[in-house]
C-alpha atoms as a PDB file:
ATOM      1  CA  UNK A   1     -87.774   9.851 -35.476  1.00  0.00           C
ATOM      2  CA  UNK A   2     -85.695   8.060 -32.853  1.00  0.00           C
ATOM      3  CA  UNK A   3     -81.964   8.662 -32.700  1.00  0.00           C
ATOM      4  CA  UNK A   4     -79.815   5.909 -34.158  1.00  0.00           C
ATOM      5  CA  UNK A   5     -77.643   3.913 -31.766  1.00  0.00           C
ATOM      6  CA  UNK A   6     -73.913   3.660 -32.407  1.00  0.00           C
ATOM      7  CA  UNK A   7     -71.557   2.601 -29.619  1.00  0.00           C
ATOM      8  CA  UNK A   8     -67.993   3.927 -29.818  1.00  0.00           C
ATOM      9  CA  UNK A   9     -64.594   2.901 -28.442  1.00  0.00           C
ATOM     10  CA  UNK A  10     -62.001   5.571 -27.696  1.00  0.00           C
ATOM     11  CA  UNK A  11     -58.292   5.087 -27.031  1.00  0.00           C
ATOM     12  CA  UNK A  12     -57.379   7.188 -23.994  1.00  0.00           C
ATOM     13  CA  UNK A  13     -54.557   9.742 -24.645  1.00  0.00           C
ATOM     14  CA  UNK A  14     -55.106   9.732 -28.421  1.00  0.00           C
ATOM     15  CA  UNK A  15     -57.131  12.007 -30.675  1.00  0.00           C
ATOM     16  CA  UNK A  16     -60.472  10.581 -31.735  1.00  0.00           C
ATOM     17  CA  UNK A  17     -62.505  11.630 -34.783  1.00  0.00           C
ATOM     18  CA  UNK A  18     -65.481  10.252 -36.636  1.00  0.00           C
ATOM     19  CA  UNK A  19     -67.527  11.605 -39.531  1.00  0.00           C
ATOM     20  CA  UNK A  20     -71.312  11.504 -39.571  1.00  0.00           C
ATOM     21  CA  UNK A  21     -73.136  11.742 -42.907  1.00  0.00           C
ATOM     22  CA  UNK A  22     -76.704  13.012 -42.646  1.00  0.00           C
ATOM     23  CA  UNK A  23     -79.109  11.802 -45.323  1.00  0.00           C
ATOM     24  CA  UNK A  24     -82.825  12.072 -45.924  1.00  0.00           C
ATOM     25  CA  UNK A  25     -85.105   9.018 -46.207  1.00  0.00           C
ATOM     26  CA  UNK A  26     -84.223   8.649 -49.899  1.00  0.00           C
ATOM     27  CA  UNK A  27     -80.502   8.426 -49.058  1.00  0.00           C
ATOM     28  CA  UNK A  28     -79.661  11.900 -50.419  1.00  0.00           C
ATOM     29  CA  UNK A  29     -77.208  14.047 -48.457  1.00  0.00           C
ATOM     30  CA  UNK A  30     -78.892  16.809 -46.456  1.00  0.00           C
ATOM     31  CA  UNK A  31     -77.330  20.267 -46.751  1.00  0.00           C
ATOM     32  CA  UNK A  32     -76.280  21.051 -43.188  1.00  0.00           C
ATOM     33  CA  UNK A  33     -74.426  24.292 -43.926  1.00  0.00           C
ATOM     34  CA  UNK A  34     -76.566  26.348 -41.571  1.00  0.00           C
ATOM     35  CA  UNK A  35     -76.922  23.677 -38.866  1.00  0.00           C
ATOM     36  CA  UNK A  36     -75.458  23.755 -35.371  1.00  0.00           C
ATOM     37  CA  UNK A  37     -74.354  20.564 -33.623  1.00  0.00           C
ATOM     38  CA  UNK A  38     -74.110  19.681 -29.950  1.00  0.00           C
ATOM     39  CA  UNK A  39     -72.388  16.533 -28.704  1.00  0.00           C
ATOM     40  CA  UNK A  40     -71.293  15.587 -25.194  1.00  0.00           C
ATOM     41  CA  UNK A  41     -69.915  12.538 -23.455  1.00  0.00           C
ATOM     42  CA  UNK A  42     -71.402  12.212 -19.987  1.00  0.00           C
ATOM     43  CA  UNK A  43     -70.866   9.979 -16.995  1.00  0.00           C
ATOM     44  CA  UNK A  44     -73.804   7.563 -16.942  1.00  0.00           C
ATOM     45  CA  UNK A  45     -74.125   7.555 -13.153  1.00  0.00           C
ATOM     46  CA  UNK A  46     -73.822  11.270 -12.329  1.00  0.00           C
ATOM     47  CA  UNK A  47     -74.997  12.646 -15.731  1.00  0.00           C
ATOM     48  CA  UNK A  48     -72.097  15.135 -15.493  1.00  0.00           C
ATOM     49  CA  UNK A  49     -70.434  16.206 -18.700  1.00  0.00           C
ATOM     50  CA  UNK A  50     -67.021  14.580 -19.083  1.00  0.00           C
ATOM     51  CA  UNK A  51     -66.056  16.196 -22.416  1.00  0.00           C
ATOM     52  CA  UNK A  52     -67.660  17.749 -25.481  1.00  0.00           C
ATOM     53  CA  UNK A  53     -66.952  16.810 -29.075  1.00  0.00           C
ATOM     54  CA  UNK A  54     -65.824  19.611 -31.379  1.00  0.00           C
ATOM     55  CA  UNK A  55     -68.081  19.482 -34.470  1.00  0.00           C
ATOM     56  CA  UNK A  56     -66.762  20.650 -37.840  1.00  0.00           C
ATOM     57  CA  UNK A  57     -69.071  20.837 -40.867  1.00  0.00           C
ATOM     58  CA  UNK A  58     -67.223  19.504 -43.917  1.00  0.00           C
ATOM     59  CA  UNK A  59     -67.384  20.905 -47.480  1.00  0.00           C
ATOM     60  CA  UNK A  60     -69.659  23.774 -46.391  1.00  0.00           C
ATOM     61  CA  UNK A  61     -72.275  21.187 -45.398  1.00  0.00           C
ATOM     62  CA  UNK A  62     -73.430  20.423 -48.952  1.00  0.00           C
ATOM     63  CA  UNK A  63     -72.419  16.750 -48.637  1.00  0.00           C
ATOM     64  CA  UNK A  64     -74.210  16.315 -45.298  1.00  0.00           C
ATOM     65  CA  UNK A  65     -70.991  15.510 -43.470  1.00  0.00           C
ATOM     66  CA  UNK A  66     -69.895  16.710 -40.062  1.00  0.00           C
ATOM     67  CA  UNK A  67     -66.783  15.622 -38.216  1.00  0.00           C
ATOM     68  CA  UNK A  68     -66.719  15.166 -34.432  1.00  0.00           C
ATOM     69  CA  UNK A  69     -63.339  15.416 -32.731  1.00  0.00           C
ATOM     70  CA  UNK A  70     -61.839  14.834 -29.315  1.00  0.00           C
ATOM     71  CA  UNK A  71     -58.333  16.080 -28.604  1.00  0.00           C
ATOM     72  CA  UNK A  72     -55.662  14.161 -26.723  1.00  0.00           C
ATOM     73  CA  UNK A  73     -56.450  16.296 -23.642  1.00  0.00           C
ATOM     74  CA  UNK A  74     -60.149  15.390 -23.970  1.00  0.00           C
ATOM     75  CA  UNK A  75     -59.485  11.661 -24.072  1.00  0.00           C
ATOM     76  CA  UNK A  76     -57.077  11.926 -21.119  1.00  0.00           C
ATOM     77  CA  UNK A  77     -60.025  13.267 -19.102  1.00  0.00           C
ATOM     78  CA  UNK A  78     -61.873   9.969 -19.631  1.00  0.00           C
ATOM     79  CA  UNK A  79     -61.223   7.045 -17.303  1.00  0.00           C
ATOM     80  CA  UNK A  80     -61.147   3.450 -18.587  1.00  0.00           C
ATOM     81  CA  UNK A  81     -63.127   2.392 -15.515  1.00  0.00           C
ATOM     82  CA  UNK A  82     -65.812   5.012 -16.205  1.00  0.00           C
ATOM     83  CA  UNK A  83     -69.297   4.396 -17.576  1.00  0.00           C
ATOM     84  CA  UNK A  84     -70.018   6.904 -20.324  1.00  0.00           C
ATOM     85  CA  UNK A  85     -72.650   7.654 -22.936  1.00  0.00           C
ATOM     86  CA  UNK A  86     -72.928  10.288 -25.657  1.00  0.00           C
ATOM     87  CA  UNK A  87     -75.477  11.809 -27.946  1.00  0.00           C
ATOM     88  CA  UNK A  88     -75.500  14.234 -30.853  1.00  0.00           C
ATOM     89  CA  UNK A  89     -78.099  16.911 -31.520  1.00  0.00           C
ATOM     90  CA  UNK A  90     -78.532  18.996 -34.672  1.00  0.00           C
ATOM     91  CA  UNK A  91     -80.315  22.362 -34.743  1.00  0.00           C
ATOM     92  CA  UNK A  92     -81.539  23.419 -38.221  1.00  0.00           C
ATOM     93  CA  UNK A  93     -83.640  26.561 -38.166  1.00  0.00           C
ATOM     94  CA  UNK A  94     -85.979  26.041 -35.229  1.00  0.00           C
ATOM     95  CA  UNK A  95     -85.932  22.230 -35.325  1.00  0.00           C
ATOM     96  CA  UNK A  96     -83.757  20.353 -32.827  1.00  0.00           C
ATOM     97  CA  UNK A  97     -83.142  16.685 -33.673  1.00  0.00           C
ATOM     98  CA  UNK A  98     -81.354  14.024 -31.670  1.00  0.00           C
ATOM     99  CA  UNK A  99     -79.415  12.150 -34.355  1.00  0.00           C
ATOM    100  CA  UNK A 100     -77.209   9.618 -32.624  1.00  0.00           C
ATOM    101  CA  UNK A 101     -76.647   8.100 -29.203  1.00  0.00           C
ATOM    102  CA  UNK A 102     -74.630   5.300 -27.707  1.00  0.00           C
ATOM    103  CA  UNK A 103     -72.279   4.030 -25.070  1.00  0.00           C
ATOM    104  CA  UNK A 104     -68.609   4.980 -24.885  1.00  0.00           C
ATOM    105  CA  UNK A 105     -65.898   2.466 -24.047  1.00  0.00           C
ATOM    106  CA  UNK A 106     -62.517   3.938 -23.118  1.00  0.00           C
ATOM    107  CA  UNK A 107     -59.482   1.735 -23.679  1.00  0.00           C
ATOM    108  CA  UNK A 108     -56.656   2.239 -21.190  1.00  0.00           C
ATOM    109  CA  UNK A 109     -53.375   3.723 -22.262  1.00  0.00           C
ATOM    110  CA  UNK A 110     -49.986   2.516 -21.074  1.00  0.00           C
ATOM    111  CA  UNK A 111     -47.633   5.392 -21.903  1.00  0.00           C
ATOM    112  CA  UNK A 112     -49.115   8.873 -22.379  1.00  0.00           C
ATOM    113  CA  UNK A 113     -50.601  10.686 -19.398  1.00  0.00           C
ATOM    114  CA  UNK A 114     -49.348   8.156 -16.861  1.00  0.00           C
ATOM    115  CA  UNK A 115     -47.332   9.576 -13.939  1.00  0.00           C
ATOM    116  CA  UNK A 116     -43.618   8.996 -14.483  1.00  0.00           C
ATOM    117  CA  UNK A 117     -41.651   7.004 -11.928  1.00  0.00           C
ATOM    118  CA  UNK A 118     -38.705   9.307 -11.026  1.00  0.00           C
ATOM    119  CA  UNK A 119     -36.465   6.299 -10.326  1.00  0.00           C
ATOM    120  CA  UNK A 120     -36.667   4.812 -13.828  1.00  0.00           C
END
């Protein structure tokens, strides 16, 4: 099965989290308690990893939900002028599946992480 496409927008200098619910074809939550997740944001041009999401399986995985988080430091590493993409893989047993992919838009910040003018 092809990975679903979901483009995301991230505010630079702020934490970012989203929850993914994994369901089977009948719409029933898949137990992901023993799964491992991999998720990176990469520069589209160089293919270099910019940051990695931190996955957290929720409710022991019985509800099929996993949270993906970026810290403030992670989002500060992303440049609003950059071209980024991400994808998410799930390993269950010996089966590796690409679940989700998309582009990443980074919105510029005004305050946090900006060099301070010593005169002001």
